PDB file of N, CA and C in Angstrom:
ATOM      1  N   UNK A   1    -159.525  24.237 156.267  1.00  0.00           N
ATOM      2  CA  UNK A   1    -160.373  25.350 156.774  1.00  0.00           C
ATOM      3  C   UNK A   1    -160.187  26.608 155.957  1.00  0.00           C
ATOM      4  N   UNK A   2    -158.821  26.787 155.692  1.00  0.00           N
ATOM      5  CA  UNK A   2    -158.462  28.051 154.887  1.00  0.00           C
ATOM      6  C   UNK A   2    -159.171  27.995 153.473  1.00  0.00           C
ATOM      7  N   UNK A   3    -159.118  26.814 152.900  1.00  0.00           N
ATOM      8  CA  UNK A   3    -159.735  26.647 151.535  1.00  0.00           C
ATOM      9  C   UNK A   3    -161.267  26.898 151.582  1.00  0.00           C
ATOM     10  N   UNK A   4    -161.867  26.536 152.679  1.00  0.00           N
ATOM     11  CA  UNK A   4    -163.387  26.792 152.815  1.00  0.00           C
ATOM     12  C   UNK A   4    -163.663  28.224 152.936  1.00  0.00           C
ATOM     13  N   UNK A   5    -162.670  28.979 153.627  1.00  0.00           N
ATOM     14  CA  UNK A   5    -162.977  30.436 153.777  1.00  0.00           C
ATOM     15  C   UNK A   5    -162.720  31.132 152.441  1.00  0.00           C
ATOM     16  N   UNK A   6    -161.743  30.640 151.735  1.00  0.00           N
ATOM     17  CA  UNK A   6    -161.441  31.319 150.437  1.00  0.00           C
ATOM     18  C   UNK A   6    -162.694  31.000 149.459  1.00  0.00           C
ATOM     19  N   UNK A   7    -163.191  29.754 149.556  1.00  0.00           N
ATOM     20  CA  UNK A   7    -164.369  29.428 148.724  1.00  0.00           C
ATOM     21  C   UNK A   7    -165.601  30.260 149.061  1.00  0.00           C
ATOM     22  N   UNK A   8    -165.837  30.411 150.407  1.00  0.00           N
ATOM     23  CA  UNK A   8    -167.011  31.256 150.869  1.00  0.00           C
ATOM     24  C   UNK A   8    -166.840  32.688 150.379  1.00  0.00           C
ATOM     25  N   UNK A   9    -165.577  33.175 150.409  1.00  0.00           N
ATOM     26  CA  UNK A   9    -165.333  34.602 149.979  1.00  0.00           C
ATOM     27  C   UNK A   9    -165.713  34.681 148.503  1.00  0.00           C
ATOM     28  N   UNK A  10    -165.303  33.724 147.730  1.00  0.00           N
ATOM     29  CA  UNK A  10    -165.630  33.647 146.285  1.00  0.00           C
ATOM     30  C   UNK A  10    -167.079  33.616 146.164  1.00  0.00           C
ATOM     31  N   UNK A  11    -167.813  32.811 146.858  1.00  0.00           N
ATOM     32  CA  UNK A  11    -169.261  32.693 146.710  1.00  0.00           C
ATOM     33  C   UNK A  11    -169.881  34.077 147.060  1.00  0.00           C
ATOM     34  N   UNK A  12    -169.411  34.667 148.210  1.00  0.00           N
ATOM     35  CA  UNK A  12    -169.979  35.952 148.645  1.00  0.00           C
ATOM     36  C   UNK A  12    -169.790  37.088 147.576  1.00  0.00           C
ATOM     37  N   UNK A  13    -168.614  37.024 147.041  1.00  0.00           N
ATOM     38  CA  UNK A  13    -168.340  38.141 146.005  1.00  0.00           C
ATOM     39  C   UNK A  13    -169.183  37.799 144.851  1.00  0.00           C
ATOM     40  N   UNK A  14    -169.427  36.592 144.455  1.00  0.00           N
ATOM     41  CA  UNK A  14    -170.309  36.265 143.300  1.00  0.00           C
ATOM     42  C   UNK A  14    -171.773  36.706 143.587  1.00  0.00           C
ATOM     43  N   UNK A  15    -172.208  36.487 144.800  1.00  0.00           N
ATOM     44  CA  UNK A  15    -173.523  36.985 145.242  1.00  0.00           C
ATOM     45  C   UNK A  15    -173.685  38.507 145.128  1.00  0.00           C
ATOM     46  N   UNK A  16    -172.630  39.192 145.623  1.00  0.00           N
ATOM     47  CA  UNK A  16    -172.626  40.639 145.599  1.00  0.00           C
ATOM     48  C   UNK A  16    -172.703  41.126 144.180  1.00  0.00           C
ATOM     49  N   UNK A  17    -171.907  40.534 143.299  1.00  0.00           N
ATOM     50  CA  UNK A  17    -171.914  40.925 141.847  1.00  0.00           C
ATOM     51  C   UNK A  17    -173.297  40.708 141.237  1.00  0.00           C
ATOM     52  N   UNK A  18    -173.784  39.470 141.466  1.00  0.00           N
ATOM     53  CA  UNK A  18    -175.060  39.075 140.985  1.00  0.00           C
ATOM     54  C   UNK A  18    -176.270  40.034 141.513  1.00  0.00           C
ATOM     55  N   UNK A  19    -176.170  40.417 142.752  1.00  0.00           N
ATOM     56  CA  UNK A  19    -177.188  41.172 143.395  1.00  0.00           C
ATOM     57  C   UNK A  19    -177.228  42.612 142.746  1.00  0.00           C
ATOM     58  N   UNK A  20    -175.967  43.063 142.343  1.00  0.00           N
ATOM     59  CA  UNK A  20    -175.957  44.345 141.784  1.00  0.00           C
ATOM     60  C   UNK A  20    -176.380  44.303 140.269  1.00  0.00           C
ATOM     61  N   UNK A  21    -176.071  43.173 139.656  1.00  0.00           N
ATOM     62  CA  UNK A  21    -176.458  42.968 138.237  1.00  0.00           C
ATOM     63  C   UNK A  21    -177.940  42.781 138.022  1.00  0.00           C
ATOM     64  N   UNK A  22    -178.550  42.010 138.849  1.00  0.00           N
ATOM     65  CA  UNK A  22    -179.984  41.715 138.708  1.00  0.00           C
ATOM     66  C   UNK A  22    -180.782  42.863 138.674  1.00  0.00           C
ATOM     67  N   UNK A  23    -180.732  43.813 139.575  1.00  0.00           N
ATOM     68  CA  UNK A  23    -181.620  44.974 139.504  1.00  0.00           C
ATOM     69  C   UNK A  23    -181.507  45.796 138.248  1.00  0.00           C
ATOM     70  N   UNK A  24    -180.193  45.828 137.766  1.00  0.00           N
ATOM     71  CA  UNK A  24    -179.974  46.576 136.471  1.00  0.00           C
ATOM     72  C   UNK A  24    -180.631  45.773 135.315  1.00  0.00           C
ATOM     73  N   UNK A  25    -180.526  44.483 135.410  1.00  0.00           N
ATOM     74  CA  UNK A  25    -181.182  43.631 134.340  1.00  0.00           C
ATOM     75  C   UNK A  25    -182.686  43.775 134.456  1.00  0.00           C
ATOM     76  N   UNK A  26    -183.234  43.863 135.665  1.00  0.00           N
ATOM     77  CA  UNK A  26    -184.697  44.032 135.843  1.00  0.00           C
ATOM     78  C   UNK A  26    -185.087  45.353 135.324  1.00  0.00           C
ATOM     79  N   UNK A  27    -184.330  46.405 135.537  1.00  0.00           N
ATOM     80  CA  UNK A  27    -184.656  47.681 135.040  1.00  0.00           C
ATOM     81  C   UNK A  27    -184.677  47.749 133.537  1.00  0.00           C
ATOM     82  N   UNK A  28    -183.627  47.119 132.934  1.00  0.00           N
ATOM     83  CA  UNK A  28    -183.468  47.011 131.431  1.00  0.00           C
ATOM     84  C   UNK A  28    -184.698  46.240 130.861  1.00  0.00           C
ATOM     85  N   UNK A  29    -185.081  45.089 131.537  1.00  0.00           N
ATOM     86  CA  UNK A  29    -186.219  44.267 131.124  1.00  0.00           C
ATOM     87  C   UNK A  29    -187.528  45.104 131.198  1.00  0.00           C
ATOM     88  N   UNK A  30    -187.570  45.788 132.274  1.00  0.00           N
ATOM     89  CA  UNK A  30    -188.837  46.592 132.575  1.00  0.00           C
ATOM     90  C   UNK A  30    -188.935  47.691 131.450  1.00  0.00           C
ATOM     91  N   UNK A  31    -187.882  48.335 131.113  1.00  0.00           N
ATOM     92  CA  UNK A  31    -187.857  49.446 130.088  1.00  0.00           C
ATOM     93  C   UNK A  31    -188.260  48.778 128.717  1.00  0.00           C
ATOM     94  N   UNK A  32    -187.683  47.575 128.442  1.00  0.00           N
ATOM     95  CA  UNK A  32    -187.931  47.021 127.112  1.00  0.00           C
ATOM     96  C   UNK A  32    -189.406  46.448 127.103  1.00  0.00           C
ATOM     97  N   UNK A  33    -189.970  45.951 128.168  1.00  0.00           N
ATOM     98  CA  UNK A  33    -191.351  45.570 128.243  1.00  0.00           C
ATOM     99  C   UNK A  33    -192.255  46.767 128.153  1.00  0.00           C
ATOM    100  N   UNK A  34    -191.906  47.870 128.734  1.00  0.00           N
ATOM    101  CA  UNK A  34    -192.758  49.099 128.623  1.00  0.00           C
ATOM    102  C   UNK A  34    -192.846  49.613 127.105  1.00  0.00           C
ATOM    103  N   UNK A  35    -191.659  49.440 126.428  1.00  0.00           N
ATOM    104  CA  UNK A  35    -191.585  49.894 124.984  1.00  0.00           C
ATOM    105  C   UNK A  35    -192.583  48.951 124.131  1.00  0.00           C
ATOM    106  N   UNK A  36    -192.376  47.654 124.466  1.00  0.00           N
ATOM    107  CA  UNK A  36    -193.239  46.658 123.706  1.00  0.00           C
ATOM    108  C   UNK A  36    -194.743  46.897 124.056  1.00  0.00           C
ATOM    109  N   UNK A  37    -195.017  47.196 125.229  1.00  0.00           N
ATOM    110  CA  UNK A  37    -196.371  47.301 125.549  1.00  0.00           C
ATOM    111  C   UNK A  37    -196.968  48.652 124.960  1.00  0.00           C
ATOM    112  N   UNK A  38    -196.139  49.654 124.902  1.00  0.00           N
ATOM    113  CA  UNK A  38    -196.557  50.946 124.150  1.00  0.00           C
ATOM    114  C   UNK A  38    -196.870  50.723 122.704  1.00  0.00           C
ATOM    115  N   UNK A  39    -195.936  49.932 122.045  1.00  0.00           N
ATOM    116  CA  UNK A  39    -196.123  49.573 120.647  1.00  0.00           C
ATOM    117  C   UNK A  39    -197.482  48.655 120.526  1.00  0.00           C
ATOM    118  N   UNK A  40    -197.714  47.819 121.359  1.00  0.00           N
ATOM    119  CA  UNK A  40    -198.843  47.001 121.223  1.00  0.00           C
ATOM    120  C   UNK A  40    -200.087  47.718 121.473  1.00  0.00           C
ATOM    121  N   UNK A  41    -200.095  48.738 122.409  1.00  0.00           N
ATOM    122  CA  UNK A  41    -201.194  49.686 122.649  1.00  0.00           C
ATOM    123  C   UNK A  41    -201.514  50.447 121.410  1.00  0.00           C
ATOM    124  N   UNK A  42    -200.428  50.918 120.689  1.00  0.00           N
ATOM    125  CA  UNK A  42    -200.612  51.724 119.487  1.00  0.00           C
ATOM    126  C   UNK A  42    -201.294  50.897 118.434  1.00  0.00           C
ATOM    127  N   UNK A  43    -200.812  49.643 118.246  1.00  0.00           N
ATOM    128  CA  UNK A  43    -201.395  48.720 117.279  1.00  0.00           C
ATOM    129  C   UNK A  43    -202.856  48.429 117.590  1.00  0.00           C
ATOM    130  N   UNK A  44    -203.090  48.170 118.879  1.00  0.00           N
ATOM    131  CA  UNK A  44    -204.526  47.887 119.340  1.00  0.00           C
ATOM    132  C   UNK A  44    -205.354  49.088 119.009  1.00  0.00           C
ATOM    133  N   UNK A  45    -204.889  50.316 119.284  1.00  0.00           N
ATOM    134  CA  UNK A  45    -205.673  51.482 118.975  1.00  0.00           C
ATOM    135  C   UNK A  45    -206.046  51.626 117.476  1.00  0.00           C
ATOM    136  N   UNK A  46    -205.015  51.349 116.688  1.00  0.00           N
ATOM    137  CA  UNK A  46    -205.197  51.393 115.215  1.00  0.00           C
ATOM    138  C   UNK A  46    -206.219  50.364 114.791  1.00  0.00           C
ATOM    139  N   UNK A  47    -206.073  49.109 115.271  1.00  0.00           N
ATOM    140  CA  UNK A  47    -206.948  48.042 114.942  1.00  0.00           C
ATOM    141  C   UNK A  47    -208.323  48.274 115.265  1.00  0.00           C
ATOM    142  N   UNK A  48    -208.541  48.821 116.496  1.00  0.00           N
ATOM    143  CA  UNK A  48    -209.894  49.170 116.977  1.00  0.00           C
ATOM    144  C   UNK A  48    -210.498  50.256 116.058  1.00  0.00           C
ATOM    145  N   UNK A  49    -209.743  51.275 115.637  1.00  0.00           N
ATOM    146  CA  UNK A  49    -210.178  52.300 114.737  1.00  0.00           C
ATOM    147  C   UNK A  49    -210.583  51.672 113.426  1.00  0.00           C
ATOM    148  N   UNK A  50    -209.694  50.855 112.864  1.00  0.00           N
ATOM    149  CA  UNK A  50    -210.059  50.191 111.596  1.00  0.00           C
ATOM    150  C   UNK A  50    -211.262  49.269 111.724  1.00  0.00           C
ATOM    151  N   UNK A  51    -211.300  48.529 112.813  1.00  0.00           N
ATOM    152  CA  UNK A  51    -212.539  47.722 113.030  1.00  0.00           C
ATOM    153  C   UNK A  51    -213.871  48.522 113.047  1.00  0.00           C
ATOM    154  N   UNK A  52    -213.808  49.698 113.768  1.00  0.00           N
ATOM    155  CA  UNK A  52    -214.959  50.500 113.904  1.00  0.00           C
ATOM    156  C   UNK A  52    -215.309  51.117 112.504  1.00  0.00           C
ATOM    157  N   UNK A  53    -214.363  51.422 111.715  1.00  0.00           N
ATOM    158  CA  UNK A  53    -214.652  51.960 110.356  1.00  0.00           C
ATOM    159  C   UNK A  53    -215.314  50.826 109.507  1.00  0.00           C
ATOM    160  N   UNK A  54    -214.731  49.591 109.640  1.00  0.00           N
ATOM    161  CA  UNK A  54    -215.386  48.486 108.836  1.00  0.00           C
ATOM    162  C   UNK A  54    -216.769  48.134 109.378  1.00  0.00           C
ATOM    163  N   UNK A  55    -216.964  48.179 110.627  1.00  0.00           N
ATOM    164  CA  UNK A  55    -218.264  48.002 111.210  1.00  0.00           C
ATOM    165  C   UNK A  55    -219.254  49.053 110.677  1.00  0.00           C
ATOM    166  N   UNK A  56    -218.897  50.296 110.699  1.00  0.00           N
ATOM    167  CA  UNK A  56    -219.689  51.396 110.232  1.00  0.00           C
ATOM    168  C   UNK A  56    -220.073  51.165 108.652  1.00  0.00           C
ATOM    169  N   UNK A  57    -219.031  50.712 107.946  1.00  0.00           N
ATOM    170  CA  UNK A  57    -219.284  50.510 106.469  1.00  0.00           C
ATOM    171  C   UNK A  57    -220.253  49.333 106.358  1.00  0.00           C
ATOM    172  N   UNK A  58    -220.032  48.184 107.099  1.00  0.00           N
ATOM    173  CA  UNK A  58    -220.950  47.089 107.022  1.00  0.00           C
ATOM    174  C   UNK A  58    -222.430  47.517 107.396  1.00  0.00           C
ATOM    175  N   UNK A  59    -222.530  48.345 108.420  1.00  0.00           N
ATOM    176  CA  UNK A  59    -223.850  48.741 108.776  1.00  0.00           C
ATOM    177  C   UNK A  59    -224.462  49.628 107.622  1.00  0.00           C
ATOM    178  N   UNK A  60    -223.737  50.471 107.044  1.00  0.00           N
ATOM    179  CA  UNK A  60    -224.146  51.255 105.899  1.00  0.00           C
ATOM    180  C   UNK A  60    -224.661  50.358 104.707  1.00  0.00           C
ATOM    181  N   UNK A  61    -223.826  49.303 104.463  1.00  0.00           N
ATOM    182  CA  UNK A  61    -224.119  48.407 103.383  1.00  0.00           C
ATOM    183  C   UNK A  61    -225.434  47.608 103.656  1.00  0.00           C
ATOM    184  N   UNK A  62    -225.564  47.206 104.980  1.00  0.00           N
ATOM    185  CA  UNK A  62    -226.799  46.500 105.298  1.00  0.00           C
ATOM    186  C   UNK A  62    -227.960  47.336 105.198  1.00  0.00           C
ATOM    187  N   UNK A  63    -227.937  48.611 105.453  1.00  0.00           N
ATOM    188  CA  UNK A  63    -229.111  49.541 105.374  1.00  0.00           C
ATOM    189  C   UNK A  63    -229.379  49.689 103.893  1.00  0.00           C
ATOM    190  N   UNK A  64    -228.383  49.821 103.082  1.00  0.00           N
ATOM    191  CA  UNK A  64    -228.615  49.967 101.628  1.00  0.00           C
ATOM    192  C   UNK A  64    -229.238  48.850 101.086  1.00  0.00           C
ATOM    193  N   UNK A  65    -228.801  47.594 101.506  1.00  0.00           N
ATOM    194  CA  UNK A  65    -229.414  46.324 100.981  1.00  0.00           C
ATOM    195  C   UNK A  65    -230.885  46.271 101.403  1.00  0.00           C
ATOM    196  N   UNK A  66    -231.260  46.614 102.590  1.00  0.00           N
ATOM    197  CA  UNK A  66    -232.640  46.637 103.089  1.00  0.00           C
ATOM    198  C   UNK A  66    -233.460  47.586 102.239  1.00  0.00           C
ATOM    199  N   UNK A  67    -232.887  48.768 101.868  1.00  0.00           N
ATOM    200  CA  UNK A  67    -233.600  49.739 101.065  1.00  0.00           C
ATOM    201  C   UNK A  67    -233.843  49.163  99.632  1.00  0.00           C
ATOM    202  N   UNK A  68    -232.811  48.458  99.138  1.00  0.00           N
ATOM    203  CA  UNK A  68    -232.905  47.856  97.757  1.00  0.00           C
ATOM    204  C   UNK A  68    -233.957  46.804  97.758  1.00  0.00           C
ATOM    205  N   UNK A  69    -234.006  45.920  98.792  1.00  0.00           N
ATOM    206  CA  UNK A  69    -234.936  44.863  98.892  1.00  0.00           C
ATOM    207  C   UNK A  69    -236.353  45.460  99.020  1.00  0.00           C
ATOM    208  N   UNK A  70    -236.476  46.512  99.760  1.00  0.00           N
ATOM    209  CA  UNK A  70    -237.805  47.114  99.906  1.00  0.00           C
ATOM    210  C   UNK A  70    -238.327  47.793  98.626  1.00  0.00           C
ATOM    211  N   UNK A  71    -237.351  48.385  97.922  1.00  0.00           N
ATOM    212  CA  UNK A  71    -237.632  48.958  96.596  1.00  0.00           C
ATOM    213  C   UNK A  71    -238.138  47.912  95.585  1.00  0.00           C
ATOM    214  N   UNK A  72    -237.406  46.852  95.586  1.00  0.00           N
ATOM    215  CA  UNK A  72    -237.709  45.786  94.670  1.00  0.00           C
ATOM    216  C   UNK A  72    -239.114  45.092  95.017  1.00  0.00           C
ATOM    217  N   UNK A  73    -239.421  45.040  96.308  1.00  0.00           N
ATOM    218  CA  UNK A  73    -240.724  44.476  96.716  1.00  0.00           C
ATOM    219  C   UNK A  73    -241.793  45.392  96.208  1.00  0.00           C
ATOM    220  N   UNK A  74    -241.557  46.643  96.365  1.00  0.00           N
ATOM    221  CA  UNK A  74    -242.606  47.667  95.951  1.00  0.00           C
ATOM    222  C   UNK A  74    -242.812  47.672  94.411  1.00  0.00           C
ATOM    223  N   UNK A  75    -241.791  47.333  93.699  1.00  0.00           N
ATOM    224  CA  UNK A  75    -241.884  47.261  92.203  1.00  0.00           C
ATOM    225  C   UNK A  75    -242.766  46.171  91.662  1.00  0.00           C
ATOM    226  N   UNK A  76    -242.956  45.119  92.410  1.00  0.00           N
ATOM    227  CA  UNK A  76    -243.604  43.974  92.035  1.00  0.00           C
ATOM    228  C   UNK A  76    -245.123  44.139  91.921  1.00  0.00           C
TER     229      UNK A  76
END
């Protein structure tokens, strides 16, 4: 019986230690995830800006191509 009580005390102490460690670990993980999320949001913003610039450039080139085609048709 005494061995069971000693074993239970060991388990209880382990649970106490774990319960104090887990929230700290959760906080650290949360902070790390927030940092990663912020970096991903910055990359996303840059990629969206770059994509918009390329789309604008593609639209410009398409319009220039249409002008050139029209010009060549009128030359015939």
